[in-house]
Amino acid sequence: MKIIIAYKNYIYFSFLAIFSFLINFYIGNNGVFPVDTFIHYDNGYRILLGEHPVKDYWIVHGYIIDYIQAIFFKVFGNEWNSYLYHSSILNTCITLFSYYIFRLLSLNVNISLLLSILLSISAYPVSGTPFLDLHSSYFSLFAIFFGIISIKKDKPFFWFLSSFLLCLAFFSKQVPAGYTIVLTSLFILYLTIIENKAYIFVYFVSGALFFLILLLAFLIIKKISITDFIIQIFQFPLSIGSNRYENYSLGFKNLILDYKFIYIIFTIVIIFNVKEFLINKKLNKNNLNIFLLFSIFVFTSIFHQIYTKNQTYIFFLIPICSGIAILYNNLKSNNLRKNLNFFIIFLCIFTTLKYHERFNVKRKFHELQYTNLSKSLSLKKVDKKFNNLKWISPYYQNPEEEISYISNFLEILNGENEEVMVITQYNFFSSLTEKKLYSPSRTYDLISYPRKNSKYYNHYKNYLIKIFKKNEIKKVYIFEDYLNLDLNHLLYNYIKSECFNKKKLNKNLLLLEVKNCEVLN
């Protein structure tokens, strides 16, 4: 019997690995929302050119993902497929790790398979391409899983790995990982006191210290200013984050209705635990700790999603919550047990298919739900590096027009012999030209870097001027889907307009030629 189960597990693992990789790879090739789709594309390649985040371009969040992408470009080549390998392999890791946890918690092998399939559909494919919030959430999920392993197997070393993964999550994006770190740290203190095992706390702290020592050594070796690092990763994001909470309006829809299916299934988990306590006046120690640890991740994920301005992506919680609900239901022996399991599985299948249609098929996360994806065109004719990508964005119903602008700008950049700076949300031109294009920021929205009313304004102003001087920039190209941009926000608030000659080259392209300007000399 054990041989049969082991054989099943091997077959299921292999199937899940292939399925979870391919579904994300397929969906990620369908359509783009430039600013989000390519947020780590050029920045991963820039690292291979010797440039680094914080040091050579401003970031407001995320540090680790660019380096992970640089590894994928190094190993698999400078092309679009390498970008999708990154997110697709992470989707595979999420799926296989979840399957392992389901089996560790003694869920039926077939139920574990089904829930893992549903999870692979609802996890990374909502974006398809690497994205900060998702990396932060999934590294946090891995940390929670390591915690569950430690509790289940009574092996405290896994708290070291859990803490290390939480640091990795935080430096992918500060939130939601930051929320999870705070509550998990409180849980560790609780567990240390209740279990009277100080080494649990020691292992957890050691994982974080080990990560921070590696990070500090890296910053020193790469000569990245620790002051710049602290401002860009901690101080400036904290200043804009506090304003977001103050100005955010909570309502029934964004607080309850948007996440109703997650609440329904997780409420079942809560009811089981409350009922167990009321009947037996106590809870199984391990089951209680797993419930508390898992609750941390669920509530921090929902809290972050409520306050983020990005599209919803946390519906992957439904298969995971379903697995935990079935686990606690199976601890009961009554006539309703099978019927309740059936209801949970049915609801999980229904919601996964519902959100698959909305986010994966219609690509809502990347604002493509009102775009006719069947009109997409291959971008291979622009550059063979984009093999497999089917290009269409929300900006043009006729993708051929947008592709022609991209192709024309690429031709201009390839013909440039001077040092130029490119400001664009089409974050792939450095990779295509294999040149340094000195984009000063990863993105250019209103919170990407300090504005005039920020106390970090002068710091960014000096940072930008330093990029111009150090690299002897002669021209600035601004390439966007439309040119009703705020040039003050992009440049003139930091370097006066008198320092540039402005020329509009076409609908999408603006050229600023650097004049003999005192501030840039």
Foldseek 3Di string as FASTA:
>chain_A
DVVVVVVLLVVLLVVLLVLLLVLLQQLLQFAFLLLFQCLLQLLLLVVVVVDAELQQAFFQAAHVVSVVLVVLCVVVHLFPSSQLNSLSNLLSVLLNLQLVLLVLLPHDNVLSSLLSSLLSLQQSLLNSGDGLQSQLLSLQVVLLSLVLVCLSVVPLLSLLVSLLSLVVSCNSGVPPSVLLVVLVLVLQVVCCVVVVPCVSNVSNVNSNVVNVVVVVVVCVVSVRDPVSVCCSSPVLSVVVLVVLVVPDDDDCCLQDVVCPLLCVLLVLLVVLQVVVCVVVVDDDPSLVSSNSSVVSSVVSLSVVSSRDPADDRPLSSLSVSLSSSLSSLVVDDDPCSVVVNVVSSVSSVVVSVVVSCVRRVQVVRSPRVVADSVQFCQLVVLPVSRPSRGYDHPLDNNVVVVSVLVSVVLVVVLPDPAQAAEAESNSCSCSRSVHDRSDRFSHQDPSRDDDPPDPCVVVVLVVVLCSCQVRVHFKYKYFYSAPPDDVCSVPCVRPNLVQWDWDDPDRGIIMTGGHPDPSND
